Amino acid sequence: MFRHLINILFRLLPPTRFFYFKSFLLKLAGVKLGRNVRFCGNGKIYGNGALTIGDNSWISPDVAIHTHEDASITIGSNCDIAPGVLIHPGSHLIGNHIRRAGIGIAKPVEIGDGCWIGARSVILGGVNLANGSVIGAGSVVLKSNRKNNLTAGVPAKFIKKLPK
């Protein structure tokens, strides 16, 4: 419930101001934050699951992170999450013909150090973005990738290896 109150407060605050106050509120809500995390306004955190954000990471406006008690979400250090990104660990098994959205499941999401996730991308459960990954804007990431790769598309696919 406290995270919902924080979501309301974040809508009232200027998007790129009061970062220390926002960090204080997030820590009260059980989010593990590193140093110098910048969580912009209109961003939302849903659920009571574990969320960790590393040092010097930037979470842009309108990012939505859906946490789940059965699956942690970890965002590494020095990451940039662009506006409108959705991180969602939950899904369903395929059910029978009466109801295709069967039993609910959740898988952890890990975003390595130095990653850049482009605007309006979707990161789904079970994905591990390796250190130095870049995800192109508008991508839907269903599978893990390798270190220093550019991945993009729907569904997201390997585009090229990036220099170190």
Protein backbone atom coordinates (compact mmCIF):
# COMPACT_ATOMS: atom_id res chain seq x y z
CA MET A 1 0.00 0.00 0.00
CA PHE A 2 2.87 2.37 0.82
CA ARG A 3 4.26 2.00 -2.72
CA HIS A 4 0.91 3.19 -4.10
CA LEU A 5 1.14 6.32 -1.97
CA ILE A 6 4.64 6.91 -3.30
CA ASN A 7 3.33 6.59 -6.87
CA ILE A 8 0.80 9.34 -6.10
CA LEU A 9 3.48 11.59 -4.58
CA PHE A 10 5.78 11.04 -7.57
CA ARG A 11 3.02 12.33 -9.88
CA LEU A 12 2.83 15.53 -7.83
CA LEU A 13 6.57 16.23 -7.74
CA PRO A 14 8.52 17.72 -10.66
CA PRO A 15 9.88 14.86 -12.81
CA THR A 16 13.57 15.75 -12.56
CA ARG A 17 13.79 17.32 -9.12
CA PHE A 18 13.80 16.22 -5.45
CA PHE A 19 15.83 13.06 -6.16
CA TYR A 20 17.04 12.72 -2.57
CA PHE A 21 13.49 12.95 -1.26
CA LYS A 22 12.32 10.36 -3.80
CA SER A 23 15.18 8.07 -2.81
CA PHE A 24 14.24 8.45 0.84
CA LEU A 25 10.64 7.44 0.06
CA LEU A 26 11.73 4.48 -2.05
CA LYS A 27 13.98 3.22 0.73
CA LEU A 28 11.07 3.49 3.18
CA ALA A 29 9.10 1.32 0.76
CA GLY A 30 11.75 -1.40 0.87
CA VAL A 31 13.53 -0.64 -2.41
CA LYS A 32 17.29 -1.20 -2.17
CA LEU A 33 18.97 1.82 -3.74
CA GLY A 34 22.60 2.47 -4.44
CA ARG A 35 24.22 5.89 -4.27
CA ASN A 36 23.14 8.69 -6.59
CA VAL A 37 20.09 6.91 -8.06
CA ARG A 38 17.86 9.27 -10.02
CA PHE A 39 14.23 8.08 -10.09
CA CYS A 40 12.20 10.56 -12.14
CA GLY A 41 8.60 11.59 -11.62
CA ASN A 42 5.63 9.73 -13.05
CA GLY A 43 7.62 6.53 -12.62
CA LYS A 44 5.72 3.81 -10.82
CA ILE A 45 6.55 0.76 -8.76
CA TYR A 46 3.80 -1.78 -8.30
CA GLY A 47 3.70 -4.77 -5.96
CA ASN A 48 5.69 -5.71 -2.89
CA GLY A 49 8.47 -7.74 -4.50
CA ALA A 50 12.20 -7.15 -4.15
CA LEU A 51 13.66 -4.32 -6.23
CA THR A 52 17.32 -3.31 -6.24
CA ILE A 53 18.76 -0.37 -8.20
CA GLY A 54 22.54 0.10 -8.32
CA ASP A 55 24.71 3.22 -8.01
CA ASN A 56 24.40 6.10 -10.49
CA SER A 57 21.41 4.68 -12.37
CA TRP A 58 18.82 6.89 -14.06
CA ILE A 59 15.16 5.87 -14.19
CA SER A 60 13.33 8.21 -16.61
CA PRO A 61 9.76 9.51 -16.36
CA ASP A 62 6.88 7.08 -16.95
CA VAL A 63 8.91 3.94 -16.24
CA ALA A 64 6.69 1.21 -14.73
CA ILE A 65 8.24 -1.56 -12.66
CA HIS A 66 5.90 -4.36 -11.61
CA THR A 67 7.49 -6.24 -8.74
CA HIS A 68 6.39 -9.70 -7.64
CA GLU A 69 7.00 -11.45 -4.33
CA ASP A 70 8.24 -14.59 -6.15
CA ALA A 71 10.68 -12.88 -8.53
CA SER A 72 13.23 -10.17 -7.79
CA ILE A 73 14.13 -7.32 -10.11
CA THR A 74 17.72 -6.06 -10.14
CA ILE A 75 18.93 -3.03 -12.06
CA GLY A 76 22.71 -2.67 -12.00
CA SER A 77 24.92 0.37 -11.57
CA ASN A 78 25.34 3.08 -14.22
CA CYS A 79 22.16 2.09 -16.08
CA ASP A 80 19.93 4.40 -18.10
CA ILE A 81 16.28 3.41 -18.37
CA ALA A 82 14.51 5.64 -20.94
CA PRO A 83 10.96 7.02 -20.68
CA GLY A 84 8.05 4.62 -20.81
CA VAL A 85 9.98 1.40 -20.21
CA LEU A 86 7.97 -1.46 -18.68
CA ILE A 87 9.67 -4.12 -16.54
CA HIS A 88 7.32 -6.98 -15.76
CA PRO A 89 8.37 -10.34 -14.26
CA GLY A 90 4.89 -11.89 -14.33
CA SER A 91 3.10 -13.96 -16.93
CA HIS A 92 0.83 -16.99 -17.18
CA LEU A 93 1.14 -20.54 -18.36
CA ILE A 94 -1.12 -21.22 -21.32
CA GLY A 95 -4.38 -22.60 -20.03
CA ASN A 96 -7.11 -24.65 -21.64
CA HIS A 97 -9.72 -23.43 -24.10
CA ILE A 98 -11.97 -22.11 -21.30
CA ARG A 99 -9.33 -19.65 -20.08
CA ARG A 100 -6.07 -19.32 -22.04
CA ALA A 101 -4.34 -17.23 -19.35
CA GLY A 102 -3.64 -20.16 -17.03
CA ILE A 103 -1.71 -20.31 -13.78
CA GLY A 104 0.22 -17.12 -12.98
CA ILE A 105 4.02 -17.33 -12.85
CA ALA A 106 6.85 -14.89 -12.21
CA LYS A 107 10.54 -15.02 -13.13
CA PRO A 108 13.31 -12.66 -12.00
CA VAL A 109 14.63 -9.83 -14.15
CA GLU A 110 18.30 -8.86 -14.05
CA ILE A 111 19.68 -5.80 -15.78
CA GLY A 112 23.47 -5.71 -15.66
CA ASP A 113 25.79 -2.79 -15.04
CA GLY A 114 26.05 -0.08 -17.69
CA CYS A 115 22.91 -1.05 -19.63
CA TRP A 116 20.86 1.39 -21.67
CA ILE A 117 17.22 0.52 -22.33
CA GLY A 118 15.53 2.59 -25.06
CA ALA A 119 12.18 4.35 -24.74
CA ARG A 120 8.97 2.30 -24.56
CA SER A 121 10.79 -1.02 -24.38
CA VAL A 122 9.32 -3.97 -22.50
CA ILE A 123 11.51 -6.29 -20.41
CA LEU A 124 9.74 -9.52 -19.41
CA GLY A 125 10.36 -12.09 -16.69
CA GLY A 126 13.28 -14.46 -16.97
CA VAL A 127 15.41 -11.94 -18.88
CA ASN A 128 19.02 -11.29 -17.90
CA LEU A 129 20.52 -8.33 -19.73
CA ALA A 130 24.28 -8.73 -19.57
CA ASN A 131 26.60 -5.86 -18.64
CA GLY A 132 26.89 -3.13 -21.27
CA SER A 133 23.74 -4.11 -23.17
CA VAL A 134 21.79 -1.64 -25.28
CA ILE A 135 18.11 -2.30 -26.00
CA GLY A 136 16.68 -0.36 -28.96
CA ALA A 137 13.62 1.80 -28.40
CA GLY A 138 10.29 0.00 -28.65
CA SER A 139 11.77 -3.47 -28.22
CA VAL A 140 10.08 -6.39 -26.50
CA VAL A 141 12.76 -8.41 -24.74
CA LEU A 142 11.81 -12.04 -24.18
CA LYS A 143 15.28 -13.63 -23.93
CA SER A 144 18.56 -12.92 -22.20
CA ASN A 145 21.47 -11.51 -24.18
CA ARG A 146 25.24 -11.39 -24.06
CA LYS A 147 27.60 -8.73 -22.78
CA ASN A 148 27.99 -5.53 -24.86
CA ASN A 149 25.32 -6.43 -27.41
CA LEU A 150 22.83 -4.18 -29.18
CA THR A 151 19.44 -5.91 -29.20
CA ALA A 152 16.29 -4.49 -30.79
CA GLY A 153 12.93 -5.34 -32.34
CA VAL A 154 9.72 -7.18 -31.59
CA PRO A 155 10.67 -9.69 -30.42
CA ALA A 156 14.12 -8.29 -29.65
CA LYS A 157 16.99 -9.92 -31.55
CA PHE A 158 20.76 -9.53 -31.65
CA ILE A 159 21.79 -6.63 -33.92
CA LYS A 160 25.51 -6.24 -33.34
CA LYS A 161 28.38 -6.52 -30.88
CA LEU A 162 29.34 -3.19 -29.29
CA PRO A 163 32.92 -2.07 -28.62
CA LYS A 164 34.15 -2.16 -25.03
